Every structure is written in C-alpha cells, then in structure tokens.
Amino acid sequence: MTKVFGSTVDNETRCIHYHQPEDVIAIKFNCCSKYYPCYKCHQENEAHSIIPWPKDDWDKQAILCGSCKMELTINDYMAAVQCPHCAAPFNPRCSNHYHLYFDMTGEGL
C-alpha cells in the first residue's frame, strides 16, 4: 500500500486542510517523492521547498486516488474530472493549486 504522509483524517487521503467528499487525491511531490494530500501538509512536514513537476515529467505516475488507490499520471489526472478507474469525483478547485505542484510555464526549472 502506498504511504501518504501529512495530517490525513481518513483512509481516502483527505486531510485537515481539505476534507470535502471530492478531496480524494494525494500528490507525489517531485522534491521528495513522498505522497501528501496537499501543499499545506507538505509544508508542515518537510524542511524543503516544493519543486513543481516539470512538464516533461507529466507522464509519470504522481497522483494517487484515495478511493481506489490507483496511481495516475499527471497528464491523466489533469485531463480527468473523476478517477478513470473507480469514477470517484475529483475536486475541480484543486486546479487552483496546479501551479504549486506542476510547472505550468512549460519552461522547466
């Protein structure tokens, strides 16, 4: 089973910061290769800055569906409104934080 770090509140990767029914994903952070439910959990538990995933790596599995525990590529996650494996809905407001997790400029680091 994939370990999710941070202040989780249930076994579907919801955390103390984001715990609505559709908050069911965890992100593998590029900087430390650890899954966290959100950037706030990462900031509270790590002593390093977040390094966003460069666009060239968006084909890597870095998203965990908390409902079915399947890993998705970043591209697959960003193209979906629900898990392609179990149909659990994803929170559409997570896209407000994409710039924290993924290099949205396309320029890399």
N, C-alpha and C. Protein backbone atom coordinates (compact mmCIF):
# COMPACT_ATOMS: atom_id res chain seq x y z
N MET A 1 0.84 -1.18 0.00
CA MET A 1 0.00 0.00 0.00
C MET A 1 0.89 1.25 0.00
N THR A 2 0.50 2.24 -0.74
CA THR A 2 1.24 3.48 -0.85
C THR A 2 1.04 4.32 0.40
N LYS A 3 2.14 4.78 0.99
CA LYS A 3 2.06 5.59 2.20
C LYS A 3 1.79 7.05 1.82
N VAL A 4 0.83 7.63 2.51
CA VAL A 4 0.50 9.05 2.35
C VAL A 4 0.90 9.74 3.64
N PHE A 5 1.76 10.74 3.52
CA PHE A 5 2.25 11.50 4.66
C PHE A 5 1.32 12.69 4.92
N GLY A 6 1.49 13.31 6.05
CA GLY A 6 0.70 14.50 6.36
C GLY A 6 -0.40 14.22 7.36
N SER A 7 -1.24 15.21 7.53
CA SER A 7 -2.30 15.17 8.53
C SER A 7 -3.60 14.62 7.93
N THR A 8 -3.57 13.34 7.56
CA THR A 8 -4.75 12.73 6.96
C THR A 8 -5.82 12.50 8.03
N VAL A 9 -7.07 12.56 7.58
CA VAL A 9 -8.18 12.36 8.51
C VAL A 9 -8.98 11.10 8.21
N ASP A 10 -8.67 10.45 7.09
CA ASP A 10 -9.33 9.19 6.76
C ASP A 10 -8.45 8.38 5.83
N ASN A 11 -8.94 7.22 5.40
CA ASN A 11 -8.13 6.35 4.55
C ASN A 11 -8.32 6.65 3.06
N GLU A 12 -8.94 7.77 2.72
CA GLU A 12 -9.09 8.18 1.32
C GLU A 12 -8.29 9.44 1.02
N THR A 13 -7.29 9.72 1.81
CA THR A 13 -6.31 10.80 1.65
C THR A 13 -6.84 12.20 1.95
N ARG A 14 -8.02 12.32 2.54
CA ARG A 14 -8.45 13.65 2.96
C ARG A 14 -7.57 14.08 4.13
N CYS A 15 -7.39 15.39 4.27
CA CYS A 15 -6.52 15.89 5.33
C CYS A 15 -7.24 16.97 6.12
N ILE A 16 -6.56 17.48 7.13
CA ILE A 16 -7.17 18.50 7.98
C ILE A 16 -7.43 19.79 7.21
N HIS A 17 -6.72 19.99 6.12
CA HIS A 17 -6.88 21.22 5.33
C HIS A 17 -7.98 21.10 4.28
N TYR A 18 -8.07 19.93 3.65
CA TYR A 18 -9.02 19.69 2.56
C TYR A 18 -9.69 18.35 2.82
N HIS A 19 -10.97 18.39 3.17
CA HIS A 19 -11.66 17.15 3.57
C HIS A 19 -13.11 17.08 3.09
N GLN A 20 -13.35 17.68 1.94
CA GLN A 20 -14.68 17.55 1.33
C GLN A 20 -14.79 16.16 0.69
N PRO A 21 -15.98 15.70 0.37
CA PRO A 21 -16.13 14.37 -0.22
C PRO A 21 -15.27 14.14 -1.46
N GLU A 22 -15.07 15.18 -2.28
CA GLU A 22 -14.31 15.01 -3.53
C GLU A 22 -12.80 15.22 -3.35
N ASP A 23 -12.33 15.44 -2.14
CA ASP A 23 -10.89 15.60 -1.87
C ASP A 23 -10.26 14.23 -1.65
N VAL A 24 -10.07 13.51 -2.74
CA VAL A 24 -9.61 12.12 -2.63
C VAL A 24 -8.32 11.84 -3.39
N ILE A 25 -7.49 12.83 -3.58
CA ILE A 25 -6.22 12.54 -4.23
C ILE A 25 -5.07 12.96 -3.33
N ALA A 26 -3.95 12.30 -3.54
CA ALA A 26 -2.68 12.70 -2.92
C ALA A 26 -1.69 12.88 -4.06
N ILE A 27 -0.76 13.79 -3.86
CA ILE A 27 0.22 14.12 -4.89
C ILE A 27 1.59 13.66 -4.43
N LYS A 28 2.31 12.96 -5.32
CA LYS A 28 3.70 12.64 -5.05
C LYS A 28 4.50 13.90 -5.37
N PHE A 29 5.15 14.45 -4.38
CA PHE A 29 5.89 15.69 -4.58
C PHE A 29 7.22 15.38 -5.26
N ASN A 30 7.51 16.13 -6.30
CA ASN A 30 8.71 15.95 -7.08
C ASN A 30 9.97 16.12 -6.24
N CYS A 31 9.94 16.99 -5.25
CA CYS A 31 11.10 17.32 -4.44
C CYS A 31 11.52 16.21 -3.49
N CYS A 32 10.59 15.38 -3.05
CA CYS A 32 10.92 14.37 -2.04
C CYS A 32 10.35 12.98 -2.35
N SER A 33 9.59 12.86 -3.43
CA SER A 33 8.99 11.58 -3.83
C SER A 33 8.07 10.99 -2.77
N LYS A 34 7.47 11.85 -1.95
CA LYS A 34 6.51 11.41 -0.94
C LYS A 34 5.12 11.90 -1.34
N TYR A 35 4.13 11.06 -1.08
CA TYR A 35 2.75 11.46 -1.31
C TYR A 35 2.23 12.26 -0.12
N TYR A 36 1.62 13.41 -0.44
CA TYR A 36 0.93 14.24 0.54
C TYR A 36 -0.44 14.60 -0.02
N PRO A 37 -1.44 14.80 0.85
CA PRO A 37 -2.77 15.22 0.37
C PRO A 37 -2.78 16.62 -0.23
N CYS A 38 -1.89 17.50 0.26
CA CYS A 38 -1.90 18.87 -0.22
C CYS A 38 -0.57 19.56 0.08
N TYR A 39 -0.41 20.74 -0.47
CA TYR A 39 0.82 21.51 -0.26
C TYR A 39 0.98 21.95 1.19
N LYS A 40 -0.12 22.18 1.88
CA LYS A 40 -0.02 22.59 3.28
C LYS A 40 0.54 21.46 4.14
N CYS A 41 0.09 20.24 3.89
CA CYS A 41 0.63 19.08 4.61
C CYS A 41 2.13 18.95 4.33
N HIS A 42 2.53 19.14 3.07
CA HIS A 42 3.95 19.08 2.72
C HIS A 42 4.73 20.15 3.49
N GLN A 43 4.25 21.37 3.49
CA GLN A 43 4.95 22.46 4.16
C GLN A 43 5.09 22.22 5.65
N GLU A 44 4.10 21.61 6.26
CA GLU A 44 4.13 21.35 7.70
C GLU A 44 5.06 20.21 8.09
N ASN A 45 5.41 19.35 7.12
CA ASN A 45 6.17 18.14 7.43
C ASN A 45 7.56 18.07 6.82
N GLU A 46 7.88 18.95 5.91
CA GLU A 46 9.18 18.91 5.23
C GLU A 46 9.93 20.22 5.46
N ALA A 47 11.24 20.13 5.47
CA ALA A 47 12.09 21.31 5.68
C ALA A 47 12.63 21.87 4.36
N HIS A 48 12.06 21.46 3.25
CA HIS A 48 12.50 21.95 1.94
C HIS A 48 11.32 22.55 1.19
N SER A 49 11.64 23.31 0.18
CA SER A 49 10.61 23.94 -0.66
C SER A 49 10.06 22.94 -1.67
N ILE A 50 8.87 23.21 -2.11
CA ILE A 50 8.24 22.39 -3.15
C ILE A 50 8.92 22.68 -4.48
N ILE A 51 9.24 21.62 -5.20
CA ILE A 51 9.75 21.75 -6.56
C ILE A 51 8.69 21.19 -7.49
N PRO A 52 8.04 22.02 -8.29
CA PRO A 52 6.98 21.54 -9.17
C PRO A 52 7.49 20.52 -10.20
N TRP A 53 6.60 19.64 -10.60
CA TRP A 53 6.93 18.67 -11.64
C TRP A 53 7.09 19.39 -12.98
N PRO A 54 8.23 19.22 -13.67
CA PRO A 54 8.38 19.82 -15.00
C PRO A 54 7.46 19.13 -16.00
N LYS A 55 7.04 19.86 -16.99
CA LYS A 55 6.10 19.34 -17.99
C LYS A 55 6.60 18.05 -18.64
N ASP A 56 7.90 17.93 -18.80
CA ASP A 56 8.47 16.72 -19.41
C ASP A 56 8.23 15.46 -18.56
N ASP A 57 7.88 15.64 -17.30
CA ASP A 57 7.64 14.51 -16.41
C ASP A 57 6.16 14.26 -16.12
N TRP A 58 5.28 14.95 -16.80
CA TRP A 58 3.85 14.79 -16.54
C TRP A 58 3.32 13.43 -16.98
N ASP A 59 4.16 12.61 -17.61
CA ASP A 59 3.74 11.25 -17.97
C ASP A 59 4.08 10.25 -16.85
N LYS A 60 4.62 10.75 -15.74
CA LYS A 60 4.96 9.89 -14.61
C LYS A 60 3.78 9.77 -13.67
N GLN A 61 3.68 8.61 -13.03
CA GLN A 61 2.63 8.40 -12.04
C GLN A 61 2.97 9.18 -10.78
N ALA A 62 2.15 10.17 -10.47
CA ALA A 62 2.41 11.03 -9.33
C ALA A 62 1.13 11.45 -8.61
N ILE A 63 0.01 10.84 -8.98
CA ILE A 63 -1.27 11.15 -8.35
C ILE A 63 -1.87 9.84 -7.86
N LEU A 64 -2.30 9.83 -6.62
CA LEU A 64 -2.90 8.65 -6.02
C LEU A 64 -4.38 8.93 -5.77
N CYS A 65 -5.24 8.08 -6.31
CA CYS A 65 -6.66 8.18 -6.00
C CYS A 65 -6.86 7.55 -4.62
N GLY A 66 -7.35 8.34 -3.70
CA GLY A 66 -7.57 7.84 -2.35
C GLY A 66 -8.71 6.83 -2.26
N SER A 67 -9.60 6.84 -3.23
CA SER A 67 -10.73 5.90 -3.20
C SER A 67 -10.32 4.50 -3.59
N CYS A 68 -9.62 4.36 -4.73
CA CYS A 68 -9.28 3.01 -5.22
C CYS A 68 -7.80 2.69 -5.11
N LYS A 69 -6.98 3.69 -4.73
CA LYS A 69 -5.54 3.53 -4.53
C LYS A 69 -4.76 3.32 -5.83
N MET A 70 -5.36 3.64 -6.96
CA MET A 70 -4.65 3.56 -8.25
C MET A 70 -3.82 4.82 -8.44
N GLU A 71 -2.65 4.65 -9.04
CA GLU A 71 -1.80 5.79 -9.35
C GLU A 71 -2.07 6.24 -10.78
N LEU A 72 -2.11 7.54 -10.95
CA LEU A 72 -2.36 8.14 -12.26
C LEU A 72 -1.16 8.98 -12.66
N THR A 73 -1.00 9.14 -13.96
CA THR A 73 0.00 10.10 -14.40
C THR A 73 -0.56 11.50 -14.17
N ILE A 74 0.32 12.46 -14.16
CA ILE A 74 -0.12 13.85 -14.01
C ILE A 74 -1.02 14.23 -15.18
N ASN A 75 -0.63 13.85 -16.39
CA ASN A 75 -1.46 14.15 -17.57
C ASN A 75 -2.86 13.56 -17.43
N ASP A 76 -2.93 12.30 -17.02
CA ASP A 76 -4.25 11.66 -16.87
C ASP A 76 -5.09 12.37 -15.82
N TYR A 77 -4.47 12.73 -14.71
CA TYR A 77 -5.19 13.43 -13.65
C TYR A 77 -5.70 14.79 -14.13
N MET A 78 -4.84 15.54 -14.80
CA MET A 78 -5.24 16.89 -15.22
C MET A 78 -6.33 16.87 -16.28
N ALA A 79 -6.47 15.76 -16.99
CA ALA A 79 -7.49 15.64 -18.02
C ALA A 79 -8.81 15.06 -17.49
N ALA A 80 -8.84 14.70 -16.22
CA ALA A 80 -10.00 13.99 -15.67
C ALA A 80 -10.78 14.85 -14.68
N VAL A 81 -12.06 14.56 -14.58
CA VAL A 81 -12.90 15.16 -13.54
C VAL A 81 -13.24 14.12 -12.47
N GLN A 82 -12.88 12.88 -12.78
CA GLN A 82 -13.09 11.78 -11.85
C GLN A 82 -12.03 10.72 -12.12
N CYS A 83 -11.85 9.82 -11.20
CA CYS A 83 -10.88 8.76 -11.37
C CYS A 83 -11.27 7.87 -12.55
N PRO A 84 -10.37 7.64 -13.49
CA PRO A 84 -10.69 6.77 -14.62
C PRO A 84 -10.85 5.29 -14.22
N HIS A 85 -10.44 4.93 -13.01
CA HIS A 85 -10.53 3.55 -12.55
C HIS A 85 -11.79 3.27 -11.74
N CYS A 86 -12.14 4.20 -10.82
CA CYS A 86 -13.28 3.93 -9.93
C CYS A 86 -14.39 4.97 -10.02
N ALA A 87 -14.19 6.01 -10.82
CA ALA A 87 -15.17 7.08 -11.05
C ALA A 87 -15.39 7.98 -9.83
N ALA A 88 -14.51 7.92 -8.84
CA ALA A 88 -14.62 8.86 -7.72
C ALA A 88 -14.40 10.27 -8.26
N PRO A 89 -15.28 11.21 -7.93
CA PRO A 89 -15.11 12.58 -8.42
C PRO A 89 -13.92 13.27 -7.78
N PHE A 90 -13.20 14.06 -8.59
CA PHE A 90 -12.09 14.86 -8.10
C PHE A 90 -12.57 16.28 -7.87
N ASN A 91 -11.97 16.95 -6.91
CA ASN A 91 -12.35 18.32 -6.59
C ASN A 91 -11.85 19.25 -7.70
N PRO A 92 -12.75 19.90 -8.43
CA PRO A 92 -12.31 20.78 -9.53
C PRO A 92 -11.53 22.00 -9.03
N ARG A 93 -11.69 22.35 -7.77
CA ARG A 93 -10.96 23.50 -7.22
C ARG A 93 -9.48 23.20 -7.01
N CYS A 94 -9.08 21.93 -7.07
CA CYS A 94 -7.66 21.60 -6.94
C CYS A 94 -6.84 22.26 -8.05
N SER A 95 -7.47 22.53 -9.17
CA SER A 95 -6.74 23.16 -10.28
C SER A 95 -6.23 24.55 -9.88
N ASN A 96 -6.82 25.16 -8.87
CA ASN A 96 -6.32 26.45 -8.38
C ASN A 96 -4.90 26.34 -7.81
N HIS A 97 -4.48 25.12 -7.48
CA HIS A 97 -3.17 24.90 -6.89
C HIS A 97 -2.20 24.21 -7.84
N TYR A 98 -2.60 23.96 -9.07
CA TYR A 98 -1.71 23.26 -10.01
C TYR A 98 -0.34 23.91 -10.08
N HIS A 99 -0.28 25.24 -10.04
CA HIS A 99 1.00 25.94 -10.17
C HIS A 99 1.96 25.60 -9.03
N LEU A 100 1.45 25.13 -7.91
CA LEU A 100 2.30 24.72 -6.80
C LEU A 100 2.91 23.34 -7.02
N TYR A 101 2.19 22.49 -7.75
CA TYR A 101 2.61 21.09 -7.93
C TYR A 101 3.26 20.84 -9.29
N PHE A 102 2.81 21.58 -10.30
CA PHE A 102 3.22 21.32 -11.68
C PHE A 102 3.74 22.62 -12.30
N ASP A 103 4.82 22.51 -13.05
CA ASP A 103 5.35 23.69 -13.74
C ASP A 103 4.42 24.05 -14.88
N MET A 104 3.62 25.06 -14.68
CA MET A 104 2.60 25.46 -15.66
C MET A 104 3.16 26.37 -16.74
N THR A 105 4.43 26.79 -16.61
CA THR A 105 5.01 27.67 -17.62
C THR A 105 5.52 26.89 -18.81
N GLY A 106 5.80 25.60 -18.60
CA GLY A 106 6.34 24.78 -19.67
C GLY A 106 7.83 25.01 -19.89
N GLU A 107 8.44 25.85 -19.06
CA GLU A 107 9.85 26.17 -19.23
C GLU A 107 10.78 25.27 -18.42
N GLY A 108 10.22 24.48 -17.52
CA GLY A 108 11.07 23.65 -16.66
C GLY A 108 11.70 24.49 -15.56
N LEU A 109 12.63 23.90 -14.88
CA LEU A 109 13.28 24.63 -13.77
C LEU A 109 14.66 25.06 -14.14
